[in-house]
Amino acid sequence: MTFIAREISVGTVATPIGTATPKNTHELTLGNDYNKAIYIGGADVTVGGGYSIPKTQHVTVKIGNGDVLYAITNTGTADLHVYDFQLDP
């Protein structure tokens, strides 16, 4: 298992925040410590069409098979805490 922690600046354009390799599953815990919502989804994520991570909340998602997860916010920028656990096959 590999673990990577990073902070990614998210703005009003969809920003890639996690990519899984074709052979590995990644479990991403995403932390939003800002006073605005951050939305996650595919490359076409929008403020109205993504999964919302409310302010001061954390969520955990799994991605695999080459998937890419994106994030966006409605105004300005916000830093998203990304804790990436790569689960070996």
N, C-alpha and C. Protein backbone atom coordinates (compact mmCIF):
# COMPACT_ATOMS: atom_id res chain seq x y z
N MET A 1 0.85 -1.17 0.00
CA MET A 1 0.00 0.00 0.00
C MET A 1 0.89 1.23 0.00
N THR A 2 0.50 2.22 -0.79
CA THR A 2 1.20 3.49 -0.86
C THR A 2 0.27 4.58 -0.36
N PHE A 3 0.81 5.54 0.39
CA PHE A 3 0.02 6.65 0.93
C PHE A 3 0.67 7.96 0.52
N ILE A 4 -0.14 8.87 -0.03
CA ILE A 4 0.33 10.20 -0.43
C ILE A 4 -0.66 11.22 0.13
N ALA A 5 -0.15 12.25 0.79
CA ALA A 5 -0.98 13.35 1.27
C ALA A 5 -0.55 14.62 0.53
N ARG A 6 -1.52 15.35 0.04
CA ARG A 6 -1.20 16.60 -0.66
C ARG A 6 -2.36 17.57 -0.54
N GLU A 7 -2.10 18.82 -0.87
CA GLU A 7 -3.12 19.85 -0.88
C GLU A 7 -3.19 20.38 -2.30
N ILE A 8 -4.40 20.41 -2.85
CA ILE A 8 -4.59 20.83 -4.24
C ILE A 8 -5.49 22.05 -4.26
N SER A 9 -5.05 23.10 -4.96
CA SER A 9 -5.84 24.31 -5.11
C SER A 9 -6.91 24.08 -6.17
N VAL A 10 -8.16 24.27 -5.79
CA VAL A 10 -9.31 24.05 -6.67
C VAL A 10 -9.94 25.40 -6.98
N GLY A 11 -10.27 25.63 -8.24
CA GLY A 11 -10.90 26.89 -8.65
C GLY A 11 -12.19 26.65 -9.39
N THR A 12 -12.51 27.56 -10.29
CA THR A 12 -13.77 27.52 -11.01
C THR A 12 -13.70 26.70 -12.31
N VAL A 13 -12.57 26.07 -12.57
CA VAL A 13 -12.40 25.17 -13.70
C VAL A 13 -12.08 23.79 -13.13
N ALA A 14 -12.67 22.73 -13.69
CA ALA A 14 -12.46 21.38 -13.19
C ALA A 14 -10.97 21.07 -13.10
N THR A 15 -10.53 20.65 -11.91
CA THR A 15 -9.13 20.38 -11.63
C THR A 15 -8.97 18.90 -11.27
N PRO A 16 -8.06 18.16 -11.94
CA PRO A 16 -7.86 16.76 -11.56
C PRO A 16 -7.25 16.66 -10.16
N ILE A 17 -7.84 15.81 -9.32
CA ILE A 17 -7.35 15.68 -7.94
C ILE A 17 -6.90 14.26 -7.61
N GLY A 18 -7.18 13.31 -8.48
CA GLY A 18 -6.77 11.93 -8.23
C GLY A 18 -6.89 11.10 -9.48
N THR A 19 -5.87 10.27 -9.74
CA THR A 19 -5.86 9.38 -10.90
C THR A 19 -5.47 7.99 -10.44
N ALA A 20 -6.25 7.00 -10.85
CA ALA A 20 -5.96 5.61 -10.50
C ALA A 20 -5.28 4.94 -11.68
N THR A 21 -4.38 4.04 -11.38
CA THR A 21 -3.73 3.25 -12.43
C THR A 21 -4.67 2.12 -12.86
N PRO A 22 -4.47 1.57 -14.03
CA PRO A 22 -5.37 0.49 -14.48
C PRO A 22 -5.38 -0.72 -13.55
N LYS A 23 -4.28 -0.98 -12.82
CA LYS A 23 -4.21 -2.18 -11.99
C LYS A 23 -4.46 -1.91 -10.51
N ASN A 24 -4.54 -0.66 -10.08
CA ASN A 24 -4.66 -0.37 -8.66
C ASN A 24 -5.93 0.43 -8.37
N THR A 25 -6.48 0.20 -7.20
CA THR A 25 -7.59 0.99 -6.70
C THR A 25 -7.03 2.04 -5.75
N HIS A 26 -7.55 3.24 -5.83
CA HIS A 26 -7.14 4.30 -4.93
C HIS A 26 -8.33 4.69 -4.05
N GLU A 27 -8.08 4.77 -2.76
CA GLU A 27 -9.09 5.26 -1.83
C GLU A 27 -8.67 6.67 -1.45
N LEU A 28 -9.50 7.64 -1.84
CA LEU A 28 -9.18 9.04 -1.61
C LEU A 28 -10.06 9.59 -0.49
N THR A 29 -9.44 10.14 0.54
CA THR A 29 -10.18 10.89 1.55
C THR A 29 -9.92 12.35 1.26
N LEU A 30 -11.00 13.10 1.09
CA LEU A 30 -10.93 14.49 0.67
C LEU A 30 -11.44 15.37 1.79
N GLY A 31 -10.65 16.34 2.19
CA GLY A 31 -11.02 17.23 3.28
C GLY A 31 -11.17 18.66 2.81
N ASN A 32 -12.30 19.26 3.14
CA ASN A 32 -12.60 20.63 2.78
C ASN A 32 -12.62 21.48 4.04
N ASP A 33 -11.58 22.25 4.28
CA ASP A 33 -11.50 23.11 5.47
C ASP A 33 -11.88 24.55 5.17
N TYR A 34 -12.43 24.80 3.99
CA TYR A 34 -12.77 26.16 3.60
C TYR A 34 -14.23 26.48 3.85
N ASN A 35 -14.55 27.76 3.79
CA ASN A 35 -15.90 28.23 4.07
C ASN A 35 -16.75 28.26 2.80
N LYS A 36 -16.53 27.31 1.91
CA LYS A 36 -17.33 27.19 0.69
C LYS A 36 -17.35 25.73 0.28
N ALA A 37 -18.35 25.34 -0.46
CA ALA A 37 -18.47 23.95 -0.91
C ALA A 37 -17.51 23.69 -2.06
N ILE A 38 -17.04 22.45 -2.13
CA ILE A 38 -16.24 21.95 -3.25
C ILE A 38 -17.02 20.78 -3.82
N TYR A 39 -17.05 20.68 -5.15
CA TYR A 39 -17.81 19.64 -5.83
C TYR A 39 -16.86 18.71 -6.56
N ILE A 40 -17.12 17.40 -6.51
CA ILE A 40 -16.28 16.42 -7.19
C ILE A 40 -17.09 15.63 -8.21
N GLY A 41 -16.38 15.10 -9.21
CA GLY A 41 -17.03 14.30 -10.24
C GLY A 41 -16.05 14.01 -11.37
N GLY A 42 -16.59 13.73 -12.54
CA GLY A 42 -15.78 13.48 -13.73
C GLY A 42 -15.27 14.77 -14.34
N ALA A 43 -14.68 14.65 -15.53
CA ALA A 43 -14.09 15.82 -16.20
C ALA A 43 -15.13 16.91 -16.47
N ASP A 44 -16.40 16.53 -16.54
CA ASP A 44 -17.46 17.50 -16.82
C ASP A 44 -18.15 18.01 -15.55
N VAL A 45 -17.50 17.86 -14.38
CA VAL A 45 -18.11 18.27 -13.12
C VAL A 45 -18.45 19.77 -13.15
N THR A 46 -19.59 20.09 -12.58
CA THR A 46 -20.02 21.49 -12.45
C THR A 46 -20.46 21.72 -11.00
N VAL A 47 -20.62 22.98 -10.64
CA VAL A 47 -21.08 23.31 -9.30
C VAL A 47 -22.46 22.72 -9.04
N GLY A 48 -23.33 22.74 -10.02
CA GLY A 48 -24.66 22.18 -9.85
C GLY A 48 -24.76 20.70 -10.12
N GLY A 49 -23.71 20.12 -10.73
CA GLY A 49 -23.81 18.73 -11.15
C GLY A 49 -22.78 17.80 -10.55
N GLY A 50 -22.11 18.21 -9.50
CA GLY A 50 -21.13 17.34 -8.85
C GLY A 50 -21.59 16.95 -7.47
N TYR A 51 -20.83 16.04 -6.85
CA TYR A 51 -21.10 15.65 -5.47
C TYR A 51 -20.48 16.70 -4.57
N SER A 52 -21.25 17.28 -3.70
CA SER A 52 -20.80 18.38 -2.85
C SER A 52 -20.06 17.87 -1.61
N ILE A 53 -18.89 18.45 -1.35
CA ILE A 53 -18.20 18.26 -0.07
C ILE A 53 -18.44 19.56 0.69
N PRO A 54 -19.38 19.57 1.65
CA PRO A 54 -19.69 20.81 2.36
C PRO A 54 -18.47 21.34 3.12
N LYS A 55 -18.52 22.62 3.45
CA LYS A 55 -17.41 23.23 4.20
C LYS A 55 -17.17 22.47 5.49
N THR A 56 -15.92 22.31 5.83
CA THR A 56 -15.41 21.63 7.04
C THR A 56 -15.77 20.15 7.11
N GLN A 57 -16.02 19.51 5.98
CA GLN A 57 -16.37 18.09 5.95
C GLN A 57 -15.32 17.28 5.20
N HIS A 58 -15.36 15.96 5.40
CA HIS A 58 -14.48 15.02 4.70
C HIS A 58 -15.35 13.93 4.06
N VAL A 59 -14.92 13.43 2.90
CA VAL A 59 -15.57 12.29 2.27
C VAL A 59 -14.48 11.33 1.79
N THR A 60 -14.84 10.06 1.65
CA THR A 60 -13.92 9.06 1.13
C THR A 60 -14.56 8.41 -0.09
N VAL A 61 -13.80 8.32 -1.18
CA VAL A 61 -14.27 7.69 -2.42
C VAL A 61 -13.19 6.74 -2.91
N LYS A 62 -13.59 5.76 -3.70
CA LYS A 62 -12.65 4.85 -4.34
C LYS A 62 -12.72 5.04 -5.85
N ILE A 63 -11.55 5.05 -6.48
CA ILE A 63 -11.47 5.12 -7.93
C ILE A 63 -10.52 4.03 -8.39
N GLY A 64 -10.71 3.56 -9.60
CA GLY A 64 -9.85 2.51 -10.14
C GLY A 64 -9.90 2.46 -11.64
N ASN A 65 -9.12 1.56 -12.23
CA ASN A 65 -9.13 1.28 -13.66
C ASN A 65 -8.88 2.53 -14.51
N GLY A 66 -7.93 3.36 -14.08
CA GLY A 66 -7.57 4.55 -14.86
C GLY A 66 -8.50 5.73 -14.68
N ASP A 67 -9.43 5.65 -13.72
CA ASP A 67 -10.35 6.77 -13.48
C ASP A 67 -9.60 8.02 -13.03
N VAL A 68 -10.18 9.17 -13.34
CA VAL A 68 -9.66 10.46 -12.88
C VAL A 68 -10.79 11.18 -12.18
N LEU A 69 -10.52 11.70 -10.98
CA LEU A 69 -11.51 12.45 -10.21
C LEU A 69 -11.16 13.93 -10.28
N TYR A 70 -12.18 14.76 -10.48
CA TYR A 70 -11.99 16.20 -10.63
C TYR A 70 -12.75 16.94 -9.53
N ALA A 71 -12.34 18.20 -9.27
CA ALA A 71 -13.02 19.05 -8.29
C ALA A 71 -13.15 20.46 -8.84
N ILE A 72 -14.16 21.18 -8.32
CA ILE A 72 -14.43 22.55 -8.74
C ILE A 72 -15.10 23.28 -7.57
N THR A 73 -14.97 24.59 -7.52
CA THR A 73 -15.70 25.40 -6.54
C THR A 73 -16.39 26.54 -7.29
N ASN A 74 -17.37 27.16 -6.66
CA ASN A 74 -18.18 28.15 -7.39
C ASN A 74 -17.51 29.51 -7.55
N THR A 75 -16.67 29.94 -6.62
CA THR A 75 -15.99 31.24 -6.73
C THR A 75 -14.59 31.14 -6.16
N GLY A 76 -13.68 31.90 -6.72
CA GLY A 76 -12.32 31.96 -6.18
C GLY A 76 -11.64 30.60 -6.19
N THR A 77 -10.85 30.36 -5.15
CA THR A 77 -10.14 29.09 -5.01
C THR A 77 -10.28 28.57 -3.59
N ALA A 78 -10.06 27.29 -3.44
CA ALA A 78 -10.03 26.65 -2.13
C ALA A 78 -9.05 25.50 -2.20
N ASP A 79 -8.35 25.26 -1.11
CA ASP A 79 -7.40 24.14 -1.07
C ASP A 79 -8.12 22.91 -0.55
N LEU A 80 -7.98 21.82 -1.30
CA LEU A 80 -8.60 20.55 -0.94
C LEU A 80 -7.51 19.62 -0.43
N HIS A 81 -7.67 19.08 0.76
CA HIS A 81 -6.73 18.12 1.32
C HIS A 81 -7.06 16.75 0.73
N VAL A 82 -6.07 16.12 0.10
CA VAL A 82 -6.26 14.83 -0.55
C VAL A 82 -5.33 13.81 0.11
N TYR A 83 -5.93 12.77 0.68
CA TYR A 83 -5.19 11.67 1.29
C TYR A 83 -5.44 10.45 0.40
N ASP A 84 -4.41 10.02 -0.32
CA ASP A 84 -4.53 8.99 -1.36
C ASP A 84 -3.88 7.70 -0.88
N PHE A 85 -4.71 6.67 -0.66
CA PHE A 85 -4.23 5.33 -0.31
C PHE A 85 -4.31 4.47 -1.55
N GLN A 86 -3.16 4.06 -2.08
CA GLN A 86 -3.15 3.18 -3.25
C GLN A 86 -3.15 1.75 -2.75
N LEU A 87 -4.23 1.04 -3.06
CA LEU A 87 -4.38 -0.34 -2.63
C LEU A 87 -3.78 -1.25 -3.68
N ASP A 88 -2.75 -1.99 -3.32
CA ASP A 88 -2.08 -2.88 -4.25
C ASP A 88 -2.99 -4.06 -4.60
N PRO A 89 -2.90 -4.53 -5.87
CA PRO A 89 -3.78 -5.65 -6.28
C PRO A 89 -3.39 -6.95 -5.58
